[in-house]
Amino acid sequence: MKANFKKPLLILTILSVFSCAQLFAQNGSEISKETRDEIVKLNQSIENAITKKALSDVPAMYVDDATILTPGGKKLQGRKEISAFWYDMVNCREFKSEITELGGNGKMVYQVGKWTMTIEKDGKLTTYTTDVVLVWKRESNYDYKIQLQSLNNSVTINEQAALPNSALVK
C-alpha cells in the first residue's frame, strides 16, 4: 500500500513547488502586460511632450515630492526644481526613450533604459545619450507617476551645425 501513495505525493509536491515559484515570480519582479504597456505609453508621452515643446506636461508626470539625481550627483527635489529641470529642455529637438528592463510589483515599477536627446546650443546640434533609472509609483487613482529618476553622465554621440530654421521649412 505504501508504494501507491509515493507517486501521487511526489506529483503533489512538484505541483506545489511549481505553484509557489509562479506566485513568487508574480510578487517578485514580474509585472503584468497591462502595467508594461502603461509604462511604455508614459515614456511615449514624455517623448511627445518634449518634441511638441509641451514641457509643462512632463513635470506633471512626477509625484509632488519626487527626486531627480542628475549626473555629477546633484539632487533635484519637488515640483519647482523638477519643472525647472524640464523647462531647460526647451532647446531639445529630439528625445527618444528606450526601455531595457522593467520590473516591480505593480505598486512600484522600476525602469532601466537609455534616453537619447538632440539639443541645439550655439547653432550646433549635439546628441547625448544617458542611462536612466526611473521608479514609477502607482497612486490611489491607479495612475503611475515618477517617484525617482536617476541619470548617469551623458555621453556625446555627435555634433553637427544646426540648419537655419528657414532650411527646415520647404
Protein backbone atom coordinates (compact mmCIF):
# COMPACT_ATOMS: atom_id res chain seq x y z
CA MET A 1 0.00 0.00 0.00
CA LYS A 2 2.85 2.41 0.75
CA ALA A 3 4.06 2.37 -2.86
CA ASN A 4 0.66 3.60 -4.11
CA PHE A 5 0.96 6.85 -2.12
CA LYS A 6 4.51 7.74 -3.20
CA LYS A 7 3.70 8.65 -6.80
CA PRO A 8 0.67 10.91 -6.06
CA LEU A 9 2.59 12.53 -3.18
CA LEU A 10 5.56 13.23 -5.47
CA ILE A 11 3.28 14.76 -8.11
CA LEU A 12 1.53 16.88 -5.48
CA THR A 13 4.91 18.08 -4.14
CA ILE A 14 6.12 19.03 -7.64
CA LEU A 15 2.88 20.91 -8.35
CA SER A 16 3.16 22.75 -5.02
CA VAL A 17 6.74 23.83 -5.74
CA PHE A 18 5.75 24.96 -9.24
CA SER A 19 2.78 26.94 -7.87
CA CYS A 20 4.96 28.62 -5.22
CA ALA A 21 7.53 29.56 -7.87
CA GLN A 22 4.82 31.14 -10.02
CA LEU A 23 3.46 33.05 -7.03
CA PHE A 24 6.94 34.31 -6.15
CA ALA A 25 7.52 35.44 -9.74
CA GLN A 26 4.25 37.39 -9.74
CA ASN A 27 5.06 39.08 -6.44
CA GLY A 28 8.79 39.48 -7.19
CA SER A 29 9.99 41.43 -10.18
CA GLU A 30 7.41 40.40 -12.76
CA ILE A 31 4.83 42.94 -13.86
CA SER A 32 1.69 42.40 -15.88
CA LYS A 33 1.43 43.07 -19.59
CA GLU A 34 -1.04 45.86 -18.83
CA THR A 35 1.43 47.56 -16.49
CA ARG A 36 4.24 47.13 -19.02
CA ASP A 37 2.08 48.67 -21.76
CA GLU A 38 1.14 51.57 -19.49
CA ILE A 39 4.79 52.38 -18.69
CA VAL A 40 5.66 52.23 -22.40
CA LYS A 41 2.82 54.71 -23.12
CA LEU A 42 4.04 57.02 -20.35
CA ASN A 43 7.52 57.03 -21.90
CA GLN A 44 5.97 57.88 -25.27
CA SER A 45 4.10 60.73 -23.56
CA ILE A 46 7.43 62.14 -22.34
CA GLU A 47 8.87 61.88 -25.86
CA ASN A 48 5.82 63.58 -27.40
CA ALA A 49 5.71 66.38 -24.83
CA ILE A 50 9.35 67.26 -25.41
CA THR A 51 9.10 67.02 -29.19
CA LYS A 52 5.98 69.23 -29.22
CA LYS A 53 7.53 71.66 -26.71
CA ALA A 54 4.73 70.95 -24.23
CA LEU A 55 7.32 70.96 -21.45
CA SER A 56 4.77 71.65 -18.69
CA ASP A 57 3.27 68.20 -19.36
CA VAL A 58 6.41 66.39 -18.19
CA PRO A 59 6.66 67.62 -14.55
CA ALA A 60 3.00 66.64 -14.12
CA MET A 61 4.16 63.03 -14.57
CA TYR A 62 6.05 63.18 -11.23
CA VAL A 63 4.71 62.85 -7.69
CA ASP A 64 4.88 66.09 -5.69
CA ASP A 65 7.92 65.03 -3.64
CA ALA A 66 9.79 63.27 -6.48
CA THR A 67 13.58 63.32 -6.76
CA ILE A 68 15.86 63.56 -9.78
CA LEU A 69 19.51 62.58 -9.36
CA THR A 70 21.49 64.24 -12.15
CA PRO A 71 24.95 63.44 -13.49
CA GLY A 72 27.54 64.68 -11.01
CA GLY A 73 25.31 63.88 -8.05
CA LYS A 74 23.09 66.95 -7.96
CA LYS A 75 19.75 66.20 -6.31
CA LEU A 76 16.61 67.97 -7.51
CA GLN A 77 13.54 67.52 -5.35
CA GLY A 78 9.97 68.71 -5.52
CA ARG A 79 7.72 70.14 -8.17
CA LYS A 80 9.55 73.50 -8.59
CA GLU A 81 13.03 72.02 -9.18
CA ILE A 82 11.72 69.25 -11.43
CA SER A 83 9.81 71.80 -13.52
CA ALA A 84 12.95 73.92 -13.90
CA PHE A 85 14.89 70.80 -15.00
CA TRP A 86 12.41 70.07 -17.78
CA TYR A 87 11.93 73.69 -18.86
CA ASP A 88 15.68 73.74 -19.52
CA MET A 89 14.95 71.21 -22.30
CA VAL A 90 13.42 73.96 -24.46
CA ASN A 91 16.28 73.54 -26.97
CA CYS A 92 15.77 69.80 -27.27
CA ARG A 93 14.95 68.93 -30.88
CA GLU A 94 14.56 65.15 -30.48
CA PHE A 95 14.04 62.91 -27.48
CA LYS A 96 13.95 59.11 -27.51
CA SER A 97 13.31 56.79 -24.58
CA GLU A 98 14.48 53.17 -24.72
CA ILE A 99 13.36 50.70 -22.06
CA THR A 100 15.75 47.80 -21.48
CA GLU A 101 14.23 46.39 -18.30
CA LEU A 102 11.01 46.72 -16.32
CA GLY A 103 10.18 45.06 -13.03
CA GLY A 104 8.44 45.54 -9.75
CA ASN A 105 5.20 44.53 -8.16
CA GLY A 106 2.59 46.77 -9.77
CA LYS A 107 2.55 49.31 -6.93
CA MET A 108 6.15 50.32 -7.62
CA VAL A 109 7.72 49.70 -11.02
CA TYR A 110 11.37 50.22 -11.86
CA GLN A 111 12.53 51.06 -15.35
CA VAL A 112 16.08 50.79 -16.65
CA GLY A 113 16.91 52.22 -20.03
CA LYS A 114 18.51 54.94 -22.11
CA TRP A 115 17.47 58.43 -23.10
CA THR A 116 18.86 59.94 -26.26
CA MET A 117 18.34 63.63 -26.90
CA THR A 118 19.46 66.07 -29.56
CA ILE A 119 19.90 69.58 -28.22
CA GLU A 120 20.64 72.79 -30.09
CA LYS A 121 23.17 75.07 -28.42
CA ASP A 122 25.04 77.94 -30.04
CA GLY A 123 23.83 76.92 -33.51
CA LYS A 124 25.05 73.34 -33.17
CA LEU A 125 23.07 70.16 -32.69
CA THR A 126 24.58 67.76 -30.19
CA THR A 127 23.20 64.32 -29.47
CA TYR A 128 23.64 62.88 -25.99
CA THR A 129 22.76 59.51 -24.57
CA THR A 130 22.43 58.69 -20.89
CA ASP A 131 21.45 55.66 -18.86
CA VAL A 132 18.30 56.30 -16.86
CA VAL A 133 16.57 54.56 -13.97
CA LEU A 134 13.01 55.53 -13.13
CA VAL A 135 10.87 54.37 -10.24
CA TRP A 136 7.17 54.67 -11.05
CA LYS A 137 4.70 54.79 -8.15
CA ARG A 138 1.05 53.80 -8.55
CA GLU A 139 -1.12 56.45 -6.97
CA SER A 140 -4.51 55.94 -5.28
CA ASN A 141 -6.25 56.79 -8.60
CA TYR A 142 -4.19 53.96 -10.23
CA ASP A 143 -2.11 56.35 -12.37
CA TYR A 144 1.65 55.85 -12.41
CA LYS A 145 3.88 58.82 -11.63
CA ILE A 146 7.64 59.08 -11.31
CA GLN A 147 8.93 58.91 -7.73
CA LEU A 148 12.64 58.77 -8.53
CA GLN A 149 14.76 59.41 -11.62
CA SER A 150 18.48 58.83 -11.84
CA LEU A 151 20.67 59.78 -14.80
CA ASN A 152 24.32 58.88 -15.28
CA ASN A 153 26.90 61.03 -17.03
CA SER A 154 25.80 61.82 -20.56
CA VAL A 155 27.93 60.72 -23.48
CA THR A 156 28.10 62.92 -26.58
CA ILE A 157 27.26 60.90 -29.67
CA ASN A 158 27.80 63.53 -32.36
CA GLU A 159 27.94 67.22 -33.05
CA GLN A 160 26.83 68.99 -36.19
CA ALA A 161 25.99 72.52 -37.21
CA ALA A 162 22.29 73.26 -36.92
CA LEU A 163 20.47 74.19 -40.08
CA PRO A 164 18.89 77.63 -40.06
CA ASN A 165 15.17 77.41 -39.38
CA SER A 166 14.42 78.53 -42.94
CA ALA A 167 16.17 75.41 -44.24
CA LEU A 168 13.75 73.23 -42.30
CA VAL A 169 10.66 74.80 -43.91
CA LYS A 170 10.03 73.97 -47.56
